[in-house]
Amino acid sequence: MSARALLLDRDGVINVDKGYVCRPEDFELVPGIVDLCRDAVGLGYLLIVATNQAGIGRGYYSEASFLAFTEWMSDEFRRRGLPIARVYYCPFHPEFGVGKYKRESIYRKPGPGMILRAAKDFDLNLRHSVLVGDKETDVRAGLAAGVGCNVLYCPESAGRNMSNATMASHTVTRLADVARLLSDAYGR
């Protein structure tokens, strides 16, 4: 039987997006992410991260620095009993990349490459998986890969009317609302 996953963008969903975060001292968890991950793991979802990392491509930090930081972040989650199955990343940028990093890539969201690779690596049932991103490119990647539920997380929209212009299955202002989606509609 295929597994299902909670597919998470990193910057803006797992950690507060402060612009090219790659050091533990700059890492701040988004409110509600730990509880969401705990609920997902409790329902049998794998935790998988799919993140564009143009900071590598732009030369702001090295791939080795990113990988060391990712290991640190994964350890922080493991300490909470929340194993991240894998972090997929795309270091390329077609316009602002430097050297070998300046190129198009199916792995760069909105391309579905990272998600499709995860599906292959973990035998995922993408139709029964849930993606959470904070940008429309995340949603478009999920749709292109065939993810069944694509959630756009917009905390800045709290208290305001949210736009209907998104292609997302759901738009939420709190990650706790995603936890309800996991158990209500996709947790069975």
Protein backbone atom coordinates (compact mmCIF):
# COMPACT_ATOMS: atom_id res chain seq x y z
CA MET A 1 0.00 0.00 0.00
CA SER A 2 1.29 3.44 -0.91
CA ALA A 3 2.21 5.93 1.77
CA ARG A 4 0.84 9.43 2.06
CA ALA A 5 2.78 12.52 2.92
CA LEU A 6 2.44 15.98 4.33
CA LEU A 7 4.57 17.90 1.83
CA LEU A 8 5.83 21.14 3.31
CA ASP A 9 7.53 24.16 1.86
CA ARG A 10 10.27 25.36 4.21
CA ASP A 11 10.58 29.16 4.29
CA GLY A 12 7.26 30.64 5.34
CA VAL A 13 5.69 27.32 6.40
CA ILE A 14 8.23 25.58 8.66
CA ASN A 15 10.28 28.63 9.55
CA VAL A 16 9.51 32.32 9.46
CA ASP A 17 10.71 33.61 6.09
CA LYS A 18 13.43 36.10 6.96
CA GLY A 19 15.05 35.87 3.54
CA TYR A 20 17.55 33.09 2.79
CA VAL A 21 17.63 31.44 6.20
CA CYS A 22 20.62 29.12 6.51
CA ARG A 23 21.88 29.50 10.09
CA PRO A 24 20.36 28.14 13.32
CA GLU A 25 20.39 31.60 14.91
CA ASP A 26 18.09 32.88 12.13
CA PHE A 27 15.68 29.94 12.38
CA GLU A 28 12.30 30.64 13.97
CA LEU A 29 9.47 28.12 13.76
CA VAL A 30 6.17 29.28 12.28
CA PRO A 31 3.49 29.16 14.99
CA GLY A 32 1.56 25.89 14.77
CA ILE A 33 4.04 23.92 12.61
CA VAL A 34 5.08 21.53 15.40
CA ASP A 35 1.46 20.73 16.26
CA LEU A 36 0.59 20.26 12.57
CA CYS A 37 3.51 17.86 12.10
CA ARG A 38 2.59 15.98 15.29
CA ASP A 39 -1.00 15.57 14.04
CA ALA A 40 0.21 14.44 10.61
CA VAL A 41 2.61 11.85 12.03
CA GLY A 42 -0.16 10.62 14.36
CA LEU A 43 -2.38 10.07 11.31
CA GLY A 44 0.36 8.14 9.50
CA TYR A 45 1.63 10.83 7.13
CA LEU A 46 5.31 11.04 6.23
CA LEU A 47 6.83 14.50 6.69
CA ILE A 48 8.59 15.63 3.52
CA VAL A 49 10.03 19.06 2.77
CA ALA A 50 10.28 20.44 -0.79
CA THR A 51 12.03 23.79 -0.92
CA ASN A 52 13.45 26.10 -3.56
CA GLN A 53 16.83 27.29 -2.35
CA ALA A 54 17.81 30.12 -4.65
CA GLY A 55 20.16 31.35 -1.91
CA ILE A 56 22.53 28.60 -3.01
CA GLY A 57 22.14 29.51 -6.66
CA ARG A 58 22.65 33.20 -5.98
CA GLY A 59 25.82 32.47 -4.00
CA TYR A 60 24.46 33.67 -0.63
CA TYR A 61 25.47 30.38 1.01
CA SER A 62 27.00 27.12 -0.13
CA GLU A 63 25.27 23.84 -0.75
CA ALA A 64 27.39 22.36 2.07
CA SER A 65 26.16 25.09 4.46
CA PHE A 66 22.57 24.41 3.44
CA LEU A 67 22.99 20.66 4.00
CA ALA A 68 24.55 21.21 7.45
CA PHE A 69 21.69 23.54 8.37
CA THR A 70 19.14 21.03 7.06
CA GLU A 71 20.67 18.31 9.26
CA TRP A 72 20.43 20.65 12.25
CA MET A 73 16.77 21.44 11.45
CA SER A 74 15.96 17.75 10.99
CA ASP A 75 17.57 16.99 14.37
CA GLU A 76 15.39 19.67 15.97
CA PHE A 77 12.31 17.94 14.58
CA ARG A 78 13.56 14.46 15.57
CA ARG A 79 14.04 15.69 19.15
CA ARG A 80 10.34 16.50 19.16
CA GLY A 81 9.48 13.02 17.86
CA LEU A 82 8.79 14.34 14.37
CA PRO A 83 11.05 12.63 11.85
CA ILE A 84 11.36 14.41 8.53
CA ALA A 85 11.59 11.61 5.97
CA ARG A 86 13.63 13.76 3.58
CA VAL A 87 14.29 17.34 2.55
CA TYR A 88 14.27 17.88 -1.22
CA TYR A 89 15.73 21.14 -2.47
CA CYS A 90 16.38 22.93 -5.72
CA PRO A 91 19.43 25.22 -5.75
CA PHE A 92 18.91 26.47 -9.32
CA HIS A 93 17.58 29.80 -10.52
CA PRO A 94 17.11 30.49 -14.24
CA GLU A 95 17.69 34.23 -14.00
CA PHE A 96 19.74 35.01 -10.90
CA GLY A 97 21.74 31.81 -10.49
CA VAL A 98 25.53 32.00 -10.60
CA GLY A 99 27.69 29.59 -12.59
CA LYS A 100 26.33 26.03 -12.69
CA TYR A 101 23.27 27.14 -10.71
CA LYS A 102 21.96 29.44 -13.44
CA ARG A 103 19.55 27.18 -15.29
CA GLU A 104 15.99 26.00 -15.61
CA SER A 105 15.06 22.91 -13.62
CA ILE A 106 11.94 20.74 -13.34
CA TYR A 107 12.82 20.58 -9.64
CA ARG A 108 12.36 24.31 -9.12
CA LYS A 109 8.79 25.02 -8.05
CA PRO A 110 6.36 25.54 -9.76
CA GLY A 111 7.91 22.53 -11.48
CA PRO A 112 6.78 19.23 -9.90
CA GLY A 113 10.22 17.55 -9.87
CA MET A 114 10.86 17.49 -6.11
CA ILE A 115 7.39 16.13 -5.38
CA LEU A 116 7.55 13.51 -8.12
CA ARG A 117 10.98 12.43 -6.86
CA ALA A 118 9.58 12.07 -3.33
CA ALA A 119 6.66 10.04 -4.69
CA LYS A 120 9.09 7.66 -6.38
CA ASP A 121 11.48 7.44 -3.42
CA PHE A 122 8.74 6.75 -0.86
CA ASP A 123 6.04 5.09 -3.00
CA LEU A 124 3.67 7.94 -2.16
CA ASN A 125 0.03 8.08 -3.05
CA LEU A 126 0.01 11.74 -4.06
CA ARG A 127 -3.77 11.82 -4.47
CA HIS A 128 -4.04 11.12 -0.72
CA SER A 129 -1.22 13.48 0.24
CA VAL A 130 -1.40 17.10 1.35
CA LEU A 131 0.90 19.95 0.34
CA VAL A 132 1.23 23.16 2.35
CA GLY A 133 2.97 26.17 0.82
CA ASP A 134 2.91 29.91 1.28
CA LYS A 135 3.24 30.82 -2.39
CA GLU A 136 1.20 30.11 -5.48
CA THR A 137 4.28 28.41 -6.99
CA ASP A 138 4.03 25.77 -4.24
CA VAL A 139 0.38 25.13 -5.11
CA ARG A 140 1.15 24.95 -8.83
CA ALA A 141 3.90 22.38 -8.16
CA GLY A 142 1.47 20.27 -6.13
CA LEU A 143 -1.18 20.45 -8.83
CA ALA A 144 1.33 19.54 -11.55
CA ALA A 145 2.46 16.52 -9.51
CA GLY A 146 -1.08 15.32 -8.82
CA VAL A 147 -1.22 16.08 -5.09
CA GLY A 148 -4.82 15.65 -3.91
CA CYS A 149 -4.96 18.59 -1.50
CA ASN A 150 -2.91 21.74 -2.04
CA VAL A 151 -3.13 24.27 0.78
CA LEU A 152 -2.04 27.89 0.52
CA TYR A 153 -0.98 29.21 3.94
CA CYS A 154 -1.51 32.99 4.18
CA PRO A 155 -1.14 34.18 7.77
CA GLU A 156 -1.08 37.81 6.65
CA SER A 157 -4.68 37.41 5.41
CA ALA A 158 -6.03 36.79 8.91
CA GLY A 159 -9.08 38.93 9.52
CA ARG A 160 -9.38 39.96 5.87
CA ASN A 161 -11.23 38.53 2.94
CA MET A 162 -8.90 36.12 1.17
CA SER A 163 -8.61 36.21 -2.59
CA ASN A 164 -10.35 33.56 -4.63
CA ALA A 165 -7.67 33.90 -7.29
CA THR A 166 -5.66 30.93 -5.99
CA MET A 167 -5.73 27.46 -7.49
CA ALA A 168 -5.32 25.97 -4.00
CA SER A 169 -7.76 23.40 -2.64
CA HIS A 170 -7.90 25.46 0.57
CA THR A 171 -6.50 28.76 1.79
CA VAL A 172 -5.80 29.03 5.51
CA THR A 173 -4.52 31.70 7.86
CA ARG A 174 -3.50 29.25 10.63
CA LEU A 175 -1.67 25.93 10.39
CA ALA A 176 -4.18 24.48 12.89
CA ASP A 177 -6.72 24.64 10.05
CA VAL A 178 -4.52 22.28 8.03
CA ALA A 179 -4.48 19.81 10.93
CA ARG A 180 -8.27 19.73 10.76
CA LEU A 181 -8.10 19.04 7.02
CA LEU A 182 -5.75 16.12 7.60
CA SER A 183 -8.04 14.44 10.08
CA ASP A 184 -11.42 15.43 8.62
CA ALA A 185 -10.98 14.90 4.91
CA TYR A 186 -7.69 13.14 4.32
CA GLY A 187 -6.99 11.22 7.54
CA ARG A 188 -9.20 8.25 6.80
